[in-house]
Amino acid sequence: MLPRSRILRSIEVTKVLKYGKSVSYGQFVFKYIKSIENTSTRFSIAPSKKFYKRAVDRNTIKRKIFRLIRDFGEVPSGYKIVIMTKGIVGEDTIFKADIETFLKTIR
């Protein structure tokens, strides 16, 4: 998991969903806004309840995505990002490429 300082609060998630730009890569929809303060980028993961009925499954996907973000290294600073799933997420290598592509495009 990411440290608590890198995870969006619910009020921030609402703002990002309402005012953020939307980009879709593979199994994910990324909504993001540039943060006013130039701090580290903060994330939130929102797996779809339509495809992941059990909380255990949703938490597993969240952990995998947070681990990939943590291991990615250079994440651009100053953004608030919400990552939503469009369906059942496949193998780690496939969605790792989608997340890396998105993070490289917002640099």
N, C-alpha and C. Protein backbone atom coordinates (compact mmCIF):
# COMPACT_ATOMS: atom_id res chain seq x y z
N MET A 1 0.84 -1.19 0.00
CA MET A 1 0.00 0.00 0.00
C MET A 1 0.88 1.25 0.00
N LEU A 2 0.30 2.30 -0.51
CA LEU A 2 0.97 3.59 -0.45
C LEU A 2 0.78 4.20 0.92
N PRO A 3 1.68 5.10 1.32
CA PRO A 3 1.47 5.79 2.59
C PRO A 3 0.19 6.62 2.54
N ARG A 4 -0.37 6.85 3.68
CA ARG A 4 -1.64 7.58 3.77
C ARG A 4 -1.56 8.97 3.12
N SER A 5 -0.39 9.56 3.13
CA SER A 5 -0.21 10.89 2.54
C SER A 5 -0.32 10.87 1.02
N ARG A 6 -0.26 9.68 0.39
CA ARG A 6 -0.35 9.55 -1.06
C ARG A 6 -1.73 9.06 -1.52
N ILE A 7 -2.68 8.91 -0.59
CA ILE A 7 -4.01 8.43 -0.92
C ILE A 7 -5.01 9.58 -0.80
N LEU A 8 -5.88 9.72 -1.80
CA LEU A 8 -6.87 10.80 -1.80
C LEU A 8 -7.93 10.59 -0.73
N ARG A 9 -8.40 11.69 -0.15
CA ARG A 9 -9.54 11.65 0.77
C ARG A 9 -10.82 11.66 -0.06
N SER A 10 -11.94 11.33 0.56
CA SER A 10 -13.21 11.22 -0.18
C SER A 10 -13.64 12.56 -0.77
N ILE A 11 -13.38 13.67 -0.11
CA ILE A 11 -13.73 14.99 -0.65
C ILE A 11 -12.93 15.27 -1.92
N GLU A 12 -11.65 14.89 -1.89
CA GLU A 12 -10.80 15.09 -3.06
C GLU A 12 -11.23 14.20 -4.22
N VAL A 13 -11.65 12.97 -3.92
CA VAL A 13 -12.12 12.06 -4.96
C VAL A 13 -13.34 12.66 -5.65
N THR A 14 -14.25 13.22 -4.87
CA THR A 14 -15.46 13.84 -5.43
C THR A 14 -15.08 14.98 -6.37
N LYS A 15 -14.13 15.82 -5.99
CA LYS A 15 -13.69 16.93 -6.84
C LYS A 15 -13.05 16.42 -8.13
N VAL A 16 -12.23 15.40 -8.02
CA VAL A 16 -11.57 14.85 -9.20
C VAL A 16 -12.61 14.27 -10.15
N LEU A 17 -13.58 13.53 -9.64
CA LEU A 17 -14.61 12.94 -10.48
C LEU A 17 -15.48 14.00 -11.14
N LYS A 18 -15.69 15.11 -10.46
CA LYS A 18 -16.56 16.17 -10.99
C LYS A 18 -15.83 17.06 -12.00
N TYR A 19 -14.59 17.45 -11.70
CA TYR A 19 -13.89 18.44 -12.50
C TYR A 19 -12.71 17.90 -13.30
N GLY A 20 -12.35 16.65 -13.11
CA GLY A 20 -11.13 16.12 -13.71
C GLY A 20 -11.25 15.76 -15.17
N LYS A 21 -10.10 15.68 -15.83
CA LYS A 21 -10.01 15.21 -17.20
C LYS A 21 -10.04 13.68 -17.18
N SER A 22 -10.58 13.09 -18.23
CA SER A 22 -10.73 11.65 -18.28
C SER A 22 -9.92 11.08 -19.44
N VAL A 23 -9.17 10.01 -19.15
CA VAL A 23 -8.39 9.31 -20.16
C VAL A 23 -8.61 7.82 -19.94
N SER A 24 -8.74 7.08 -21.04
CA SER A 24 -8.99 5.64 -20.94
C SER A 24 -7.84 4.88 -21.61
N TYR A 25 -7.29 3.90 -20.88
CA TYR A 25 -6.26 3.01 -21.41
C TYR A 25 -6.63 1.59 -20.99
N GLY A 26 -6.84 0.72 -21.96
CA GLY A 26 -7.11 -0.68 -21.67
C GLY A 26 -8.29 -0.88 -20.74
N GLN A 27 -8.05 -1.48 -19.59
CA GLN A 27 -9.09 -1.80 -18.62
C GLN A 27 -9.36 -0.68 -17.62
N PHE A 28 -8.74 0.48 -17.81
CA PHE A 28 -8.84 1.54 -16.82
C PHE A 28 -9.35 2.85 -17.39
N VAL A 29 -10.03 3.61 -16.54
CA VAL A 29 -10.37 5.00 -16.82
C VAL A 29 -9.66 5.82 -15.76
N PHE A 30 -8.85 6.77 -16.20
CA PHE A 30 -8.10 7.63 -15.30
C PHE A 30 -8.73 9.01 -15.30
N LYS A 31 -9.10 9.51 -14.13
CA LYS A 31 -9.58 10.89 -14.00
C LYS A 31 -8.55 11.62 -13.16
N TYR A 32 -8.15 12.81 -13.61
CA TYR A 32 -7.09 13.51 -12.89
C TYR A 32 -7.25 15.02 -13.01
N ILE A 33 -6.72 15.70 -12.02
CA ILE A 33 -6.62 17.16 -12.05
C ILE A 33 -5.25 17.55 -11.52
N LYS A 34 -4.79 18.70 -11.95
CA LYS A 34 -3.54 19.25 -11.44
C LYS A 34 -3.82 19.86 -10.08
N SER A 35 -3.00 19.52 -9.11
CA SER A 35 -3.17 20.02 -7.76
C SER A 35 -2.69 21.46 -7.67
N ILE A 36 -3.34 22.25 -6.83
CA ILE A 36 -2.94 23.65 -6.65
C ILE A 36 -1.55 23.72 -6.01
N GLU A 37 -1.37 22.97 -4.94
CA GLU A 37 -0.05 22.91 -4.31
C GLU A 37 0.78 21.86 -5.03
N ASN A 38 2.06 22.10 -5.17
CA ASN A 38 2.93 21.19 -5.91
C ASN A 38 3.50 20.13 -4.97
N THR A 39 2.61 19.28 -4.44
CA THR A 39 3.03 18.21 -3.53
C THR A 39 3.11 16.91 -4.31
N SER A 40 3.35 15.83 -3.60
CA SER A 40 3.41 14.54 -4.27
C SER A 40 2.03 14.16 -4.81
N THR A 41 2.02 13.39 -5.85
CA THR A 41 0.77 12.96 -6.47
C THR A 41 0.02 12.03 -5.54
N ARG A 42 -1.30 12.23 -5.48
CA ARG A 42 -2.15 11.41 -4.61
C ARG A 42 -3.08 10.58 -5.48
N PHE A 43 -3.36 9.35 -5.05
CA PHE A 43 -4.13 8.40 -5.83
C PHE A 43 -5.34 7.88 -5.07
N SER A 44 -6.31 7.40 -5.85
CA SER A 44 -7.42 6.62 -5.32
C SER A 44 -7.78 5.58 -6.37
N ILE A 45 -8.13 4.39 -5.93
CA ILE A 45 -8.49 3.31 -6.83
C ILE A 45 -9.96 2.98 -6.60
N ALA A 46 -10.73 2.85 -7.69
CA ALA A 46 -12.16 2.56 -7.59
C ALA A 46 -12.52 1.37 -8.47
N PRO A 47 -12.36 0.14 -7.97
CA PRO A 47 -12.77 -1.03 -8.75
C PRO A 47 -14.30 -1.09 -8.85
N SER A 48 -14.80 -1.53 -9.97
CA SER A 48 -16.23 -1.56 -10.23
C SER A 48 -16.93 -2.65 -9.41
N LYS A 49 -17.98 -2.28 -8.70
CA LYS A 49 -18.77 -3.27 -7.96
C LYS A 49 -19.54 -4.18 -8.90
N LYS A 50 -19.76 -3.72 -10.12
CA LYS A 50 -20.46 -4.53 -11.10
C LYS A 50 -19.67 -5.81 -11.41
N PHE A 51 -18.34 -5.70 -11.44
CA PHE A 51 -17.50 -6.84 -11.79
C PHE A 51 -16.86 -7.50 -10.58
N TYR A 52 -16.63 -6.73 -9.52
CA TYR A 52 -16.03 -7.27 -8.29
C TYR A 52 -17.06 -7.17 -7.18
N LYS A 53 -17.88 -8.18 -7.04
CA LYS A 53 -18.99 -8.15 -6.08
C LYS A 53 -18.50 -8.16 -4.63
N ARG A 54 -17.46 -8.95 -4.38
CA ARG A 54 -16.98 -9.09 -3.00
C ARG A 54 -15.93 -8.05 -2.67
N ALA A 55 -15.97 -7.53 -1.45
CA ALA A 55 -14.99 -6.53 -1.00
C ALA A 55 -13.57 -7.08 -1.03
N VAL A 56 -13.44 -8.38 -0.79
CA VAL A 56 -12.12 -9.01 -0.81
C VAL A 56 -11.49 -8.85 -2.20
N ASP A 57 -12.28 -9.07 -3.24
CA ASP A 57 -11.78 -8.94 -4.61
C ASP A 57 -11.42 -7.49 -4.94
N ARG A 58 -12.25 -6.54 -4.51
CA ARG A 58 -11.97 -5.12 -4.75
C ARG A 58 -10.69 -4.70 -4.04
N ASN A 59 -10.50 -5.15 -2.81
CA ASN A 59 -9.30 -4.80 -2.05
C ASN A 59 -8.04 -5.42 -2.66
N THR A 60 -8.17 -6.62 -3.21
CA THR A 60 -7.04 -7.27 -3.86
C THR A 60 -6.58 -6.46 -5.07
N ILE A 61 -7.53 -6.01 -5.89
CA ILE A 61 -7.20 -5.19 -7.05
C ILE A 61 -6.55 -3.88 -6.60
N LYS A 62 -7.10 -3.26 -5.57
CA LYS A 62 -6.52 -2.01 -5.05
C LYS A 62 -5.07 -2.22 -4.64
N ARG A 63 -4.81 -3.29 -3.91
CA ARG A 63 -3.45 -3.57 -3.45
C ARG A 63 -2.49 -3.77 -4.62
N LYS A 64 -2.93 -4.51 -5.63
CA LYS A 64 -2.08 -4.75 -6.80
C LYS A 64 -1.74 -3.44 -7.51
N ILE A 65 -2.75 -2.59 -7.69
CA ILE A 65 -2.51 -1.32 -8.40
C ILE A 65 -1.64 -0.40 -7.57
N PHE A 66 -1.89 -0.30 -6.27
CA PHE A 66 -1.05 0.53 -5.41
C PHE A 66 0.40 0.04 -5.42
N ARG A 67 0.59 -1.28 -5.45
CA ARG A 67 1.94 -1.85 -5.49
C ARG A 67 2.65 -1.45 -6.79
N LEU A 68 1.93 -1.50 -7.91
CA LEU A 68 2.52 -1.11 -9.18
C LEU A 68 2.90 0.37 -9.19
N ILE A 69 2.05 1.21 -8.62
CA ILE A 69 2.34 2.64 -8.56
C ILE A 69 3.57 2.88 -7.70
N ARG A 70 3.63 2.21 -6.56
CA ARG A 70 4.76 2.36 -5.65
C ARG A 70 6.06 1.93 -6.33
N ASP A 71 6.02 0.82 -7.08
CA ASP A 71 7.21 0.28 -7.72
C ASP A 71 7.58 1.01 -9.00
N PHE A 72 6.66 1.83 -9.53
CA PHE A 72 6.92 2.52 -10.79
C PHE A 72 8.10 3.47 -10.70
N GLY A 73 8.27 4.09 -9.56
CA GLY A 73 9.41 4.99 -9.40
C GLY A 73 9.01 6.43 -9.57
N GLU A 74 9.38 7.04 -10.68
CA GLU A 74 9.17 8.46 -10.90
C GLU A 74 7.73 8.75 -11.31
N VAL A 75 6.91 9.08 -10.34
CA VAL A 75 5.53 9.49 -10.62
C VAL A 75 5.53 11.01 -10.64
N PRO A 76 4.96 11.63 -11.69
CA PRO A 76 4.95 13.09 -11.75
C PRO A 76 4.26 13.69 -10.53
N SER A 77 4.79 14.77 -10.01
CA SER A 77 4.23 15.35 -8.79
C SER A 77 3.17 16.40 -9.11
N GLY A 78 2.29 16.63 -8.14
CA GLY A 78 1.31 17.70 -8.27
C GLY A 78 -0.01 17.30 -8.91
N TYR A 79 -0.37 16.04 -8.91
CA TYR A 79 -1.63 15.59 -9.49
C TYR A 79 -2.49 14.87 -8.45
N LYS A 80 -3.79 14.86 -8.70
CA LYS A 80 -4.73 14.03 -7.95
C LYS A 80 -5.36 13.11 -8.98
N ILE A 81 -5.24 11.80 -8.77
CA ILE A 81 -5.64 10.82 -9.77
C ILE A 81 -6.57 9.79 -9.17
N VAL A 82 -7.68 9.51 -9.89
CA VAL A 82 -8.59 8.43 -9.53
C VAL A 82 -8.52 7.41 -10.66
N ILE A 83 -8.25 6.16 -10.31
CA ILE A 83 -8.16 5.08 -11.29
C ILE A 83 -9.38 4.19 -11.11
N MET A 84 -10.19 4.06 -12.17
CA MET A 84 -11.39 3.23 -12.13
C MET A 84 -11.23 2.07 -13.10
N THR A 85 -11.77 0.92 -12.74
CA THR A 85 -11.70 -0.24 -13.62
C THR A 85 -12.95 -0.29 -14.49
N LYS A 86 -12.77 -0.72 -15.75
CA LYS A 86 -13.90 -0.85 -16.66
C LYS A 86 -14.46 -2.27 -16.68
N GLY A 87 -13.71 -3.20 -16.21
CA GLY A 87 -14.14 -4.59 -16.23
C GLY A 87 -13.20 -5.42 -15.38
N ILE A 88 -13.21 -6.71 -15.60
CA ILE A 88 -12.31 -7.61 -14.88
C ILE A 88 -10.89 -7.33 -15.38
N VAL A 89 -10.01 -7.04 -14.46
CA VAL A 89 -8.63 -6.73 -14.81
C VAL A 89 -7.88 -8.03 -14.99
N GLY A 90 -7.10 -8.10 -16.09
CA GLY A 90 -6.38 -9.33 -16.42
C GLY A 90 -5.10 -9.48 -15.61
N GLU A 91 -4.07 -9.94 -16.28
CA GLU A 91 -2.79 -10.22 -15.62
C GLU A 91 -2.08 -8.92 -15.24
N ASP A 92 -1.18 -9.04 -14.27
CA ASP A 92 -0.43 -7.88 -13.77
C ASP A 92 0.34 -7.18 -14.88
N THR A 93 0.96 -7.96 -15.77
CA THR A 93 1.80 -7.36 -16.81
C THR A 93 0.98 -6.51 -17.77
N ILE A 94 -0.27 -6.92 -18.03
CA ILE A 94 -1.12 -6.18 -18.96
C ILE A 94 -1.53 -4.85 -18.36
N PHE A 95 -2.04 -4.85 -17.12
CA PHE A 95 -2.48 -3.58 -16.58
C PHE A 95 -1.33 -2.73 -16.07
N LYS A 96 -0.16 -3.33 -15.88
CA LYS A 96 1.02 -2.54 -15.55
C LYS A 96 1.37 -1.63 -16.72
N ALA A 97 1.27 -2.15 -17.93
CA ALA A 97 1.56 -1.34 -19.13
C ALA A 97 0.57 -0.19 -19.27
N ASP A 98 -0.71 -0.42 -18.97
CA ASP A 98 -1.72 0.64 -19.05
C ASP A 98 -1.43 1.76 -18.06
N ILE A 99 -1.07 1.41 -16.85
CA ILE A 99 -0.78 2.41 -15.82
C ILE A 99 0.49 3.18 -16.16
N GLU A 100 1.53 2.48 -16.63
CA GLU A 100 2.76 3.15 -17.01
C GLU A 100 2.54 4.11 -18.17
N THR A 101 1.73 3.71 -19.15
CA THR A 101 1.42 4.58 -20.29
C THR A 101 0.74 5.85 -19.82
N PHE A 102 -0.21 5.73 -18.91
CA PHE A 102 -0.91 6.91 -18.40
C PHE A 102 0.05 7.82 -17.65
N LEU A 103 0.86 7.26 -16.76
CA LEU A 103 1.77 8.08 -15.96
C LEU A 103 2.79 8.79 -16.83
N LYS A 104 3.19 8.19 -17.95
CA LYS A 104 4.13 8.84 -18.86
C LYS A 104 3.46 9.97 -19.64
N THR A 105 2.16 9.84 -19.92
CA THR A 105 1.47 10.87 -20.71
C THR A 105 1.21 12.14 -19.91
N ILE A 106 1.07 12.07 -18.60
CA ILE A 106 0.78 13.29 -17.84
C ILE A 106 2.04 14.03 -17.41
N ARG A 107 3.19 13.51 -17.73
CA ARG A 107 4.45 14.19 -17.37
C ARG A 107 4.58 15.50 -18.06
